[in-house]
Amino acid sequence: MSELQDPEIFQTVLDSLPTGVYLVDRNGKIFFWNQGAERITGFMRHEVVGRSGRESILVHCNGQGCVDCGATCSCSLTMHDGKPREARMRLRHKEGHPIPVLMRTVPIRDRHGIIVGAAESFEEQRLASDRDRRQRNLTYDCADETTGMPNHEFTQFHLRENLTSFEQYHLPFGIMRIRVDRLKEFQAAYGRQAGDAILRVVAQTMRDSLRPSDFLGRWEEDEFLVILANCGTPGVERAAARIRRVVSCAGLRWWGDELTVTTWVGHSIAQAGDTIDSLLTRAQGSLQKMTAVGTGPAATTTGKS
């Protein structure tokens, strides 16, 4: 037999691919997890092999909401009908933030054509951007210590620059004030470190869902500020809805608990005669209207791992 026909060669090739690849049996139990899957999701092989996707190892978000690997996931459907599938979705990273991926699923058949499992491959869809490079180049004095995002002072400077450009050149922009709901109560229940971890998850999740031209910074202890370049009211409203939807897919494992986060988003667009205070005040008013509709905990326990 040729060396290239050795089964171990095929396993080595699969393992070394930059694309994430994993294999499951008919019961949904993972029996292969390659290095690409480790790199993209943060979960190491020993943490997932032998476990079921139903144990909340892989939480999928399809844009409507987040679901565990169950009867309606692409893997289960493919094992049921034998049809390959392709879908854009988000997987939750081990650190809690969603990762946009292109997921492909194919059935695994034995020599008699009977489906015995499924293979899924996924590729990260996030692209390097000018925003990412700017983020890496932030000096210590400009970066928020907890989240690594631009701090309040640098965010205020950036907001002032955008307002000046609007006054002089009529370049439209909008802002969003994004509050992590009941952060202080959460910190009291779980500790400061857990609160900081939630803030990092929210910041990372929002950063990955914004456009390269948008700016995200820390504003208050429980609040972030987003500056949306070249954006009117409809665009700001769509961005606000997207932020709330995507952050709802984020989560954090903390001492065996699965914690989820709730945010509220207020927004405003620049208008003639605006000052920084007037722009922020309108966004604050929008935020207060949102929170008056209903409130939810900053983080809720959804299960044990």
C-alpha atoms as a PDB file:
ATOM      1  CA  MET A   1       0.000   0.000   0.000  1.00  0.00           C
ATOM      2  CA  SER A   2       1.279   3.463  -0.900  1.00  0.00           C
ATOM      3  CA  GLU A   3       2.185   5.709   2.030  1.00  0.00           C
ATOM      4  CA  LEU A   4      -0.395   8.191   0.751  1.00  0.00           C
ATOM      5  CA  GLN A   5      -3.100   5.562   1.279  1.00  0.00           C
ATOM      6  CA  ASP A   6      -2.277   5.192   4.974  1.00  0.00           C
ATOM      7  CA  PRO A   7      -5.394   6.269   6.981  1.00  0.00           C
ATOM      8  CA  GLU A   8      -3.156   8.135   9.425  1.00  0.00           C
ATOM      9  CA  ILE A   9      -2.073  10.408   6.561  1.00  0.00           C
ATOM     10  CA  PHE A  10      -5.668  11.467   5.969  1.00  0.00           C
ATOM     11  CA  GLN A  11      -6.167  12.162   9.674  1.00  0.00           C
ATOM     12  CA  THR A  12      -2.952  14.194   9.801  1.00  0.00           C
ATOM     13  CA  VAL A  13      -4.070  16.270   6.802  1.00  0.00           C
ATOM     14  CA  LEU A  14      -7.489  16.941   8.351  1.00  0.00           C
ATOM     15  CA  ASP A  15      -5.871  17.861  11.623  1.00  0.00           C
ATOM     16  CA  SER A  16      -3.499  20.384  10.047  1.00  0.00           C
ATOM     17  CA  LEU A  17      -6.073  22.242   7.937  1.00  0.00           C
ATOM     18  CA  PRO A  18      -6.629  25.887   8.971  1.00  0.00           C
ATOM     19  CA  THR A  19     -10.360  25.262   8.487  1.00  0.00           C
ATOM     20  CA  GLY A  20     -12.202  23.945  11.522  1.00  0.00           C
ATOM     21  CA  VAL A  21     -13.279  20.312  11.058  1.00  0.00           C
ATOM     22  CA  TYR A  22     -15.132  18.042  13.436  1.00  0.00           C
ATOM     23  CA  LEU A  23     -16.947  14.707  13.147  1.00  0.00           C
ATOM     24  CA  VAL A  24     -19.918  13.446  15.127  1.00  0.00           C
ATOM     25  CA  ASP A  25     -21.600  10.056  15.414  1.00  0.00           C
ATOM     26  CA  ARG A  26     -25.328   9.342  15.173  1.00  0.00           C
ATOM     27  CA  ASN A  27     -25.788  10.382  18.798  1.00  0.00           C
ATOM     28  CA  GLY A  28     -24.187  13.759  18.190  1.00  0.00           C
ATOM     29  CA  LYS A  29     -21.054  12.833  20.129  1.00  0.00           C
ATOM     30  CA  ILE A  30     -17.858  14.466  18.828  1.00  0.00           C
ATOM     31  CA  PHE A  31     -15.100  11.978  17.985  1.00  0.00           C
ATOM     32  CA  PHE A  32     -12.726  14.179  15.968  1.00  0.00           C
ATOM     33  CA  TRP A  33     -11.771  17.839  16.473  1.00  0.00           C
ATOM     34  CA  ASN A  34      -8.915  19.316  14.480  1.00  0.00           C
ATOM     35  CA  GLN A  35      -6.414  22.068  15.239  1.00  0.00           C
ATOM     36  CA  GLY A  36      -8.307  24.530  13.043  1.00  0.00           C
ATOM     37  CA  ALA A  37     -11.389  24.058  15.238  1.00  0.00           C
ATOM     38  CA  GLU A  38      -9.219  24.647  18.309  1.00  0.00           C
ATOM     39  CA  ARG A  39      -7.825  27.890  16.882  1.00  0.00           C
ATOM     40  CA  ILE A  40     -11.185  29.308  15.776  1.00  0.00           C
ATOM     41  CA  THR A  41     -13.293  28.402  18.837  1.00  0.00           C
ATOM     42  CA  GLY A  42     -10.722  28.331  21.644  1.00  0.00           C
ATOM     43  CA  PHE A  43     -11.911  24.852  22.718  1.00  0.00           C
ATOM     44  CA  MET A  44      -9.096  22.324  22.914  1.00  0.00           C
ATOM     45  CA  ARG A  45      -9.525  18.746  21.671  1.00  0.00           C
ATOM     46  CA  HIS A  46      -9.618  17.198  25.133  1.00  0.00           C
ATOM     47  CA  GLU A  47     -12.463  19.550  26.080  1.00  0.00           C
ATOM     48  CA  VAL A  48     -14.806  18.403  23.308  1.00  0.00           C
ATOM     49  CA  VAL A  49     -13.921  14.905  22.061  1.00  0.00           C
ATOM     50  CA  GLY A  50     -16.250  12.360  23.606  1.00  0.00           C
ATOM     51  CA  ARG A  51     -18.820  15.001  24.490  1.00  0.00           C
ATOM     52  CA  SER A  52     -22.085  15.861  22.784  1.00  0.00           C
ATOM     53  CA  GLY A  53     -22.853  19.168  21.106  1.00  0.00           C
ATOM     54  CA  ARG A  54     -26.027  19.139  23.204  1.00  0.00           C
ATOM     55  CA  GLU A  55     -23.875  19.817  26.257  1.00  0.00           C
ATOM     56  CA  SER A  56     -23.661  23.469  25.110  1.00  0.00           C
ATOM     57  CA  ILE A  57     -20.115  23.097  23.852  1.00  0.00           C
ATOM     58  CA  LEU A  58     -21.178  24.542  20.500  1.00  0.00           C
ATOM     59  CA  VAL A  59     -23.884  27.168  20.713  1.00  0.00           C
ATOM     60  CA  HIS A  60     -25.123  28.210  17.282  1.00  0.00           C
ATOM     61  CA  CYS A  61     -26.677  31.573  16.518  1.00  0.00           C
ATOM     62  CA  ASN A  62     -28.575  31.752  13.240  1.00  0.00           C
ATOM     63  CA  GLY A  63     -29.539  35.418  13.408  1.00  0.00           C
ATOM     64  CA  GLN A  64     -32.917  34.644  14.977  1.00  0.00           C
ATOM     65  CA  GLY A  65     -31.493  33.466  18.278  1.00  0.00           C
ATOM     66  CA  CYS A  66     -29.088  31.007  19.802  1.00  0.00           C
ATOM     67  CA  VAL A  67     -29.756  27.309  20.038  1.00  0.00           C
ATOM     68  CA  ASP A  68     -27.790  24.344  21.289  1.00  0.00           C
ATOM     69  CA  CYS A  69     -26.984  21.517  18.906  1.00  0.00           C
ATOM     70  CA  GLY A  70     -30.366  19.777  18.877  1.00  0.00           C
ATOM     71  CA  ALA A  71     -32.913  18.231  16.536  1.00  0.00           C
ATOM     72  CA  THR A  72     -33.181  21.318  14.352  1.00  0.00           C
ATOM     73  CA  CYS A  73     -29.467  22.021  13.862  1.00  0.00           C
ATOM     74  CA  SER A  74     -27.894  21.435  10.454  1.00  0.00           C
ATOM     75  CA  CYS A  75     -25.912  18.451  11.736  1.00  0.00           C
ATOM     76  CA  SER A  76     -29.022  16.605  12.973  1.00  0.00           C
ATOM     77  CA  LEU A  77     -30.990  17.472   9.844  1.00  0.00           C
ATOM     78  CA  THR A  78     -28.211  16.201   7.568  1.00  0.00           C
ATOM     79  CA  MET A  79     -27.985  12.921   9.472  1.00  0.00           C
ATOM     80  CA  HIS A  80     -31.766  12.606   9.110  1.00  0.00           C
ATOM     81  CA  ASP A  81     -32.151  13.278   5.372  1.00  0.00           C
ATOM     82  CA  GLY A  82     -28.590  12.832   4.045  1.00  0.00           C
ATOM     83  CA  LYS A  83     -28.524  16.249   2.367  1.00  0.00           C
ATOM     84  CA  PRO A  84     -25.400  18.450   2.561  1.00  0.00           C
ATOM     85  CA  ARG A  85     -25.994  21.898   4.026  1.00  0.00           C
ATOM     86  CA  GLU A  86     -24.285  25.264   4.099  1.00  0.00           C
ATOM     87  CA  ALA A  87     -25.158  28.182   6.362  1.00  0.00           C
ATOM     88  CA  ARG A  88     -23.733  31.369   7.777  1.00  0.00           C
ATOM     89  CA  MET A  89     -24.001  31.424  11.542  1.00  0.00           C
ATOM     90  CA  ARG A  90     -22.138  32.287  14.699  1.00  0.00           C
ATOM     91  CA  LEU A  91     -20.397  29.892  17.057  1.00  0.00           C
ATOM     92  CA  ARG A  92     -19.744  30.976  20.602  1.00  0.00           C
ATOM     93  CA  HIS A  93     -16.031  31.184  21.379  1.00  0.00           C
ATOM     94  CA  LYS A  94     -14.784  29.639  24.614  1.00  0.00           C
ATOM     95  CA  GLU A  95     -14.305  33.188  25.952  1.00  0.00           C
ATOM     96  CA  GLY A  96     -17.963  33.958  25.245  1.00  0.00           C
ATOM     97  CA  HIS A  97     -18.095  36.165  22.144  1.00  0.00           C
ATOM     98  CA  PRO A  98     -19.819  34.946  18.948  1.00  0.00           C
ATOM     99  CA  ILE A  99     -17.650  34.128  15.918  1.00  0.00           C
ATOM    100  CA  PRO A 100     -19.172  34.538  12.427  1.00  0.00           C
ATOM    101  CA  VAL A 101     -18.499  31.383  10.407  1.00  0.00           C
ATOM    102  CA  LEU A 102     -19.510  29.684   7.185  1.00  0.00           C
ATOM    103  CA  MET A 103     -20.581  26.179   8.249  1.00  0.00           C
ATOM    104  CA  ARG A 104     -20.739  23.220   5.842  1.00  0.00           C
ATOM    105  CA  THR A 105     -22.271  19.891   6.837  1.00  0.00           C
ATOM    106  CA  VAL A 106     -22.094  16.565   4.984  1.00  0.00           C
ATOM    107  CA  PRO A 107     -23.251  13.060   5.984  1.00  0.00           C
ATOM    108  CA  ILE A 108     -20.790  10.268   6.765  1.00  0.00           C
ATOM    109  CA  ARG A 109     -21.850   6.916   5.278  1.00  0.00           C
ATOM    110  CA  ASP A 110     -20.492   3.416   5.804  1.00  0.00           C
ATOM    111  CA  ARG A 111     -19.656   1.029   2.945  1.00  0.00           C
ATOM    112  CA  HIS A 112     -23.326   0.079   2.689  1.00  0.00           C
ATOM    113  CA  GLY A 113     -24.461   3.694   2.278  1.00  0.00           C
ATOM    114  CA  ILE A 114     -25.971   3.930   5.750  1.00  0.00           C
ATOM    115  CA  ILE A 115     -25.497   7.284   7.493  1.00  0.00           C
ATOM    116  CA  VAL A 116     -23.348   6.769  10.580  1.00  0.00           C
ATOM    117  CA  GLY A 117     -22.517  10.377  11.425  1.00  0.00           C
ATOM    118  CA  ALA A 118     -21.802  13.811  10.022  1.00  0.00           C
ATOM    119  CA  ALA A 119     -18.788  15.977   9.246  1.00  0.00           C
ATOM    120  CA  GLU A 120     -18.867  19.730   9.722  1.00  0.00           C
ATOM    121  CA  SER A 121     -16.289  22.233   8.538  1.00  0.00           C
ATOM    122  CA  PHE A 122     -16.307  25.941   9.306  1.00  0.00           C
ATOM    123  CA  GLU A 123     -14.317  28.992   8.304  1.00  0.00           C
ATOM    124  CA  GLU A 124     -14.107  32.231  10.228  1.00  0.00           C
ATOM    125  CA  GLN A 125     -15.699  35.077   8.275  1.00  0.00           C
ATOM    126  CA  ARG A 126     -14.200  37.987  10.197  1.00  0.00           C
ATOM    127  CA  LEU A 127     -11.718  39.931   8.063  1.00  0.00           C
ATOM    128  CA  ALA A 128      -8.791  42.054   9.199  1.00  0.00           C
ATOM    129  CA  SER A 129      -9.743  45.709   8.960  1.00  0.00           C
ATOM    130  CA  ASP A 130      -8.404  49.192   9.504  1.00  0.00           C
ATOM    131  CA  ARG A 131     -10.318  49.216  12.779  1.00  0.00           C
ATOM    132  CA  ASP A 132      -8.480  46.089  13.946  1.00  0.00           C
ATOM    133  CA  ARG A 133      -5.146  47.656  13.085  1.00  0.00           C
ATOM    134  CA  ARG A 134      -6.078  50.877  14.878  1.00  0.00           C
ATOM    135  CA  GLN A 135      -7.108  48.827  17.904  1.00  0.00           C
ATOM    136  CA  ARG A 136      -3.749  47.044  18.016  1.00  0.00           C
ATOM    137  CA  ASN A 137      -1.919  50.363  17.741  1.00  0.00           C
ATOM    138  CA  LEU A 138      -3.679  51.971  20.723  1.00  0.00           C
ATOM    139  CA  THR A 139      -1.178  53.170  23.297  1.00  0.00           C
ATOM    140  CA  TYR A 140      -1.596  52.209  26.920  1.00  0.00           C
ATOM    141  CA  ASP A 141      -2.831  55.732  27.753  1.00  0.00           C
ATOM    142  CA  CYS A 142      -5.662  55.460  25.190  1.00  0.00           C
ATOM    143  CA  ALA A 143      -6.849  51.928  25.982  1.00  0.00           C
ATOM    144  CA  ASP A 144      -9.399  51.034  28.613  1.00  0.00           C
ATOM    145  CA  GLU A 145      -7.749  48.808  31.186  1.00  0.00           C
ATOM    146  CA  THR A 146     -10.630  46.337  31.500  1.00  0.00           C
ATOM    147  CA  THR A 147     -11.781  45.839  27.897  1.00  0.00           C
ATOM    148  CA  GLY A 148      -8.829  46.964  25.775  1.00  0.00           C
ATOM    149  CA  MET A 149     -11.163  49.295  23.862  1.00  0.00           C
ATOM    150  CA  PRO A 150     -10.453  53.042  23.519  1.00  0.00           C
ATOM    151  CA  ASN A 151     -11.013  54.693  26.895  1.00  0.00           C
ATOM    152  CA  HIS A 152     -13.478  57.476  27.749  1.00  0.00           C
ATOM    153  CA  GLU A 153     -11.052  60.326  27.023  1.00  0.00           C
ATOM    154  CA  PHE A 154     -10.005  58.987  23.618  1.00  0.00           C
ATOM    155  CA  THR A 155     -13.624  58.204  22.729  1.00  0.00           C
ATOM    156  CA  GLN A 156     -14.622  61.768  23.613  1.00  0.00           C
ATOM    157  CA  PHE A 157     -11.775  63.095  21.450  1.00  0.00           C
ATOM    158  CA  HIS A 158     -12.973  60.956  18.531  1.00  0.00           C
ATOM    159  CA  LEU A 159     -16.554  62.170  19.027  1.00  0.00           C
ATOM    160  CA  ARG A 160     -15.362  65.783  18.966  1.00  0.00           C
ATOM    161  CA  GLU A 161     -13.504  65.138  15.701  1.00  0.00           C
ATOM    162  CA  ASN A 162     -16.627  63.694  14.069  1.00  0.00           C
ATOM    163  CA  LEU A 163     -18.746  66.632  15.210  1.00  0.00           C
ATOM    164  CA  THR A 164     -16.199  69.088  13.782  1.00  0.00           C
ATOM    165  CA  SER A 165     -16.230  67.248  10.439  1.00  0.00           C
ATOM    166  CA  PHE A 166     -20.036  67.386  10.455  1.00  0.00           C
ATOM    167  CA  GLU A 167     -20.041  71.135  11.115  1.00  0.00           C
ATOM    168  CA  GLN A 168     -17.440  71.927   8.461  1.00  0.00           C
ATOM    169  CA  TYR A 169     -18.107  69.336   5.753  1.00  0.00           C
ATOM    170  CA  HIS A 170     -21.615  68.026   6.604  1.00  0.00           C
ATOM    171  CA  LEU A 171     -20.351  64.451   6.946  1.00  0.00           C
ATOM    172  CA  PRO A 172     -23.262  62.613   8.617  1.00  0.00           C
ATOM    173  CA  PHE A 173     -22.763  60.327  11.576  1.00  0.00           C
ATOM    174  CA  GLY A 174     -24.718  58.812  14.422  1.00  0.00           C
ATOM    175  CA  ILE A 175     -23.951  57.486  17.871  1.00  0.00           C
ATOM    176  CA  MET A 176     -25.169  54.633  20.053  1.00  0.00           C
ATOM    177  CA  ARG A 177     -24.974  54.520  23.833  1.00  0.00           C
ATOM    178  CA  ILE A 178     -24.940  50.853  24.822  1.00  0.00           C
ATOM    179  CA  ARG A 179     -25.560  49.915  28.428  1.00  0.00           C
ATOM    180  CA  VAL A 180     -24.886  46.551  30.042  1.00  0.00           C
ATOM    181  CA  ASP A 181     -28.002  46.134  32.148  1.00  0.00           C
ATOM    182  CA  ARG A 182     -27.673  45.818  35.936  1.00  0.00           C
ATOM    183  CA  LEU A 183     -23.916  45.411  35.869  1.00  0.00           C
ATOM    184  CA  LYS A 184     -23.466  46.474  39.500  1.00  0.00           C
ATOM    185  CA  GLU A 185     -25.996  43.915  40.723  1.00  0.00           C
ATOM    186  CA  PHE A 186     -24.251  41.258  38.686  1.00  0.00           C
ATOM    187  CA  GLN A 187     -20.849  42.212  40.121  1.00  0.00           C
ATOM    188  CA  ALA A 188     -22.293  42.001  43.631  1.00  0.00           C
ATOM    189  CA  ALA A 189     -23.626  38.498  42.933  1.00  0.00           C
ATOM    190  CA  TYR A 190     -20.671  37.034  41.023  1.00  0.00           C
ATOM    191  CA  GLY A 191     -17.708  39.279  41.830  1.00  0.00           C
ATOM    192  CA  ARG A 192     -15.735  41.995  40.089  1.00  0.00           C
ATOM    193  CA  GLN A 193     -13.760  39.582  37.915  1.00  0.00           C
ATOM    194  CA  ALA A 194     -16.927  38.093  36.464  1.00  0.00           C
ATOM    195  CA  GLY A 195     -18.220  41.602  35.744  1.00  0.00           C
ATOM    196  CA  ASP A 196     -15.007  42.496  33.936  1.00  0.00           C
ATOM    197  CA  ALA A 197     -15.226  39.269  31.936  1.00  0.00           C
ATOM    198  CA  ILE A 198     -18.793  40.127  30.858  1.00  0.00           C
ATOM    199  CA  LEU A 199     -17.648  43.591  29.736  1.00  0.00           C
ATOM    200  CA  ARG A 200     -14.845  42.061  27.645  1.00  0.00           C
ATOM    201  CA  VAL A 201     -17.252  39.614  26.019  1.00  0.00           C
ATOM    202  CA  VAL A 202     -19.690  42.398  25.145  1.00  0.00           C
ATOM    203  CA  ALA A 203     -16.907  44.632  23.786  1.00  0.00           C
ATOM    204  CA  GLN A 204     -15.436  41.866  21.618  1.00  0.00           C
ATOM    205  CA  THR A 205     -18.867  40.867  20.332  1.00  0.00           C
ATOM    206  CA  MET A 206     -19.792  44.413  19.343  1.00  0.00           C
ATOM    207  CA  ARG A 207     -16.397  45.108  17.771  1.00  0.00           C
ATOM    208  CA  ASP A 208     -16.764  42.094  15.493  1.00  0.00           C
ATOM    209  CA  SER A 209     -20.264  43.103  14.378  1.00  0.00           C
ATOM    210  CA  LEU A 210     -19.515  46.725  13.451  1.00  0.00           C
ATOM    211  CA  ARG A 211     -18.257  48.084  10.148  1.00  0.00           C
ATOM    212  CA  PRO A 212     -14.531  48.863   9.750  1.00  0.00           C
ATOM    213  CA  SER A 213     -15.365  52.586   9.612  1.00  0.00           C
ATOM    214  CA  ASP A 214     -17.271  52.544  12.919  1.00  0.00           C
ATOM    215  CA  PHE A 215     -15.709  53.415  16.263  1.00  0.00           C
ATOM    216  CA  LEU A 216     -16.303  51.625  19.576  1.00  0.00           C
ATOM    217  CA  GLY A 217     -15.078  52.919  22.914  1.00  0.00           C
ATOM    218  CA  ARG A 218     -15.685  52.617  26.660  1.00  0.00           C
ATOM    219  CA  TRP A 219     -17.857  55.465  27.924  1.00  0.00           C
ATOM    220  CA  GLU A 220     -19.013  54.754  31.484  1.00  0.00           C
ATOM    221  CA  GLU A 221     -18.502  51.839  33.853  1.00  0.00           C
ATOM    222  CA  ASP A 222     -21.509  50.033  32.392  1.00  0.00           C
ATOM    223  CA  GLU A 223     -21.680  51.781  29.032  1.00  0.00           C
ATOM    224  CA  PHE A 224     -20.016  51.812  25.612  1.00  0.00           C
ATOM    225  CA  LEU A 225     -20.244  54.448  22.892  1.00  0.00           C
ATOM    226  CA  VAL A 226     -20.322  53.659  19.174  1.00  0.00           C
ATOM    227  CA  ILE A 227     -19.762  56.319  16.504  1.00  0.00           C
ATOM    228  CA  LEU A 228     -21.280  55.310  13.170  1.00  0.00           C
ATOM    229  CA  ALA A 229     -19.678  57.113  10.230  1.00  0.00           C
ATOM    230  CA  ASN A 230     -21.743  58.216   7.228  1.00  0.00           C
ATOM    231  CA  CYS A 231     -24.956  57.037   8.822  1.00  0.00           C
ATOM    232  CA  GLY A 232     -28.497  58.447   9.051  1.00  0.00           C
ATOM    233  CA  THR A 233     -31.454  57.485  11.224  1.00  0.00           C
ATOM    234  CA  PRO A 234     -32.385  54.236   9.381  1.00  0.00           C
ATOM    235  CA  GLY A 235     -28.798  53.016   9.454  1.00  0.00           C
ATOM    236  CA  VAL A 236     -28.390  53.808  13.151  1.00  0.00           C
ATOM    237  CA  GLU A 237     -31.645  52.012  13.971  1.00  0.00           C
ATOM    238  CA  ARG A 238     -30.565  48.932  12.031  1.00  0.00           C
ATOM    239  CA  ALA A 239     -27.183  48.964  13.769  1.00  0.00           C
ATOM    240  CA  ALA A 240     -28.858  49.236  17.182  1.00  0.00           C
ATOM    241  CA  ALA A 241     -31.118  46.265  16.446  1.00  0.00           C
ATOM    242  CA  ARG A 242     -28.151  44.243  15.178  1.00  0.00           C
ATOM    243  CA  ILE A 243     -26.068  45.009  18.273  1.00  0.00           C
ATOM    244  CA  ARG A 244     -28.815  43.848  20.629  1.00  0.00           C
ATOM    245  CA  ARG A 245     -29.400  40.702  18.579  1.00  0.00           C
ATOM    246  CA  VAL A 246     -25.727  39.754  18.309  1.00  0.00           C
ATOM    247  CA  VAL A 247     -24.911  40.466  21.956  1.00  0.00           C
ATOM    248  CA  SER A 248     -27.814  38.207  22.935  1.00  0.00           C
ATOM    249  CA  CYS A 249     -25.790  35.384  21.339  1.00  0.00           C
ATOM    250  CA  ALA A 250     -22.831  36.066  23.625  1.00  0.00           C
ATOM    251  CA  GLY A 251     -22.317  34.259  26.896  1.00  0.00           C
ATOM    252  CA  LEU A 252     -19.823  33.344  29.562  1.00  0.00           C
ATOM    253  CA  ARG A 253     -19.067  30.165  31.494  1.00  0.00           C
ATOM    254  CA  TRP A 254     -18.373  31.054  35.097  1.00  0.00           C
ATOM    255  CA  TRP A 255     -17.747  28.334  37.681  1.00  0.00           C
ATOM    256  CA  GLY A 256     -19.942  25.903  35.782  1.00  0.00           C
ATOM    257  CA  ASP A 257     -22.751  28.378  35.118  1.00  0.00           C
ATOM    258  CA  GLU A 258     -23.692  29.528  31.625  1.00  0.00           C
ATOM    259  CA  LEU A 259     -24.271  33.293  31.850  1.00  0.00           C
ATOM    260  CA  THR A 260     -25.947  35.465  29.230  1.00  0.00           C
ATOM    261  CA  VAL A 261     -25.979  39.238  28.947  1.00  0.00           C
ATOM    262  CA  THR A 262     -28.598  41.889  28.217  1.00  0.00           C
ATOM    263  CA  THR A 263     -27.849  45.307  26.730  1.00  0.00           C
ATOM    264  CA  TRP A 264     -29.920  48.385  26.016  1.00  0.00           C
ATOM    265  CA  VAL A 265     -29.144  50.701  23.107  1.00  0.00           C
ATOM    266  CA  GLY A 266     -29.986  54.379  22.747  1.00  0.00           C
ATOM    267  CA  HIS A 267     -29.075  56.300  19.609  1.00  0.00           C
ATOM    268  CA  SER A 268     -29.048  59.691  17.936  1.00  0.00           C
ATOM    269  CA  ILE A 269     -27.770  61.301  14.728  1.00  0.00           C
ATOM    270  CA  ALA A 270     -25.849  64.566  14.411  1.00  0.00           C
ATOM    271  CA  GLN A 271     -27.979  67.626  13.678  1.00  0.00           C
ATOM    272  CA  ALA A 272     -27.179  71.219  12.763  1.00  0.00           C
ATOM    273  CA  GLY A 273     -26.122  73.210  15.810  1.00  0.00           C
ATOM    274  CA  ASP A 274     -25.311  70.131  17.866  1.00  0.00           C
ATOM    275  CA  THR A 275     -22.792  70.129  20.660  1.00  0.00           C
ATOM    276  CA  ILE A 276     -21.320  66.995  22.211  1.00  0.00           C
ATOM    277  CA  ASP A 277     -23.677  67.431  25.170  1.00  0.00           C
ATOM    278  CA  SER A 278     -26.817  67.807  23.042  1.00  0.00           C
ATOM    279  CA  LEU A 279     -25.947  64.777  20.917  1.00  0.00           C
ATOM    280  CA  LEU A 280     -25.245  62.647  23.980  1.00  0.00           C
ATOM    281  CA  THR A 281     -28.383  63.886  25.735  1.00  0.00           C
ATOM    282  CA  ARG A 282     -30.634  62.794  22.864  1.00  0.00           C
ATOM    283  CA  ALA A 283     -28.987  59.364  22.824  1.00  0.00           C
ATOM    284  CA  GLN A 284     -29.434  59.177  26.601  1.00  0.00           C
ATOM    285  CA  GLY A 285     -33.124  60.005  26.194  1.00  0.00           C
ATOM    286  CA  SER A 286     -33.456  57.233  23.620  1.00  0.00           C
ATOM    287  CA  LEU A 287     -31.703  54.855  26.014  1.00  0.00           C
ATOM    288  CA  GLN A 288     -34.064  55.762  28.854  1.00  0.00           C
ATOM    289  CA  LYS A 289     -37.069  55.083  26.629  1.00  0.00           C
ATOM    290  CA  MET A 290     -35.681  51.643  25.819  1.00  0.00           C
ATOM    291  CA  THR A 291     -35.059  50.721  29.443  1.00  0.00           C
ATOM    292  CA  ALA A 292     -38.526  51.988  30.426  1.00  0.00           C
ATOM    293  CA  VAL A 293     -40.107  49.385  28.139  1.00  0.00           C
ATOM    294  CA  GLY A 294     -38.702  46.503  30.179  1.00  0.00           C
ATOM    295  CA  THR A 295     -35.564  45.332  31.918  1.00  0.00           C
ATOM    296  CA  GLY A 296     -33.608  42.122  32.174  1.00  0.00           C
ATOM    297  CA  PRO A 297     -30.661  40.985  34.264  1.00  0.00           C
ATOM    298  CA  ALA A 298     -27.170  41.846  33.143  1.00  0.00           C
ATOM    299  CA  ALA A 299     -26.368  38.183  33.182  1.00  0.00           C
ATOM    300  CA  THR A 300     -28.589  35.199  33.845  1.00  0.00           C
ATOM    301  CA  THR A 301     -27.748  31.620  34.634  1.00  0.00           C
ATOM    302  CA  THR A 302     -28.997  29.349  31.844  1.00  0.00           C
ATOM    303  CA  GLY A 303     -27.489  26.039  32.869  1.00  0.00           C
ATOM    304  CA  LYS A 304     -24.644  24.028  34.320  1.00  0.00           C
ATOM    305  CA  SER A 305     -21.812  22.598  32.254  1.00  0.00           C
END
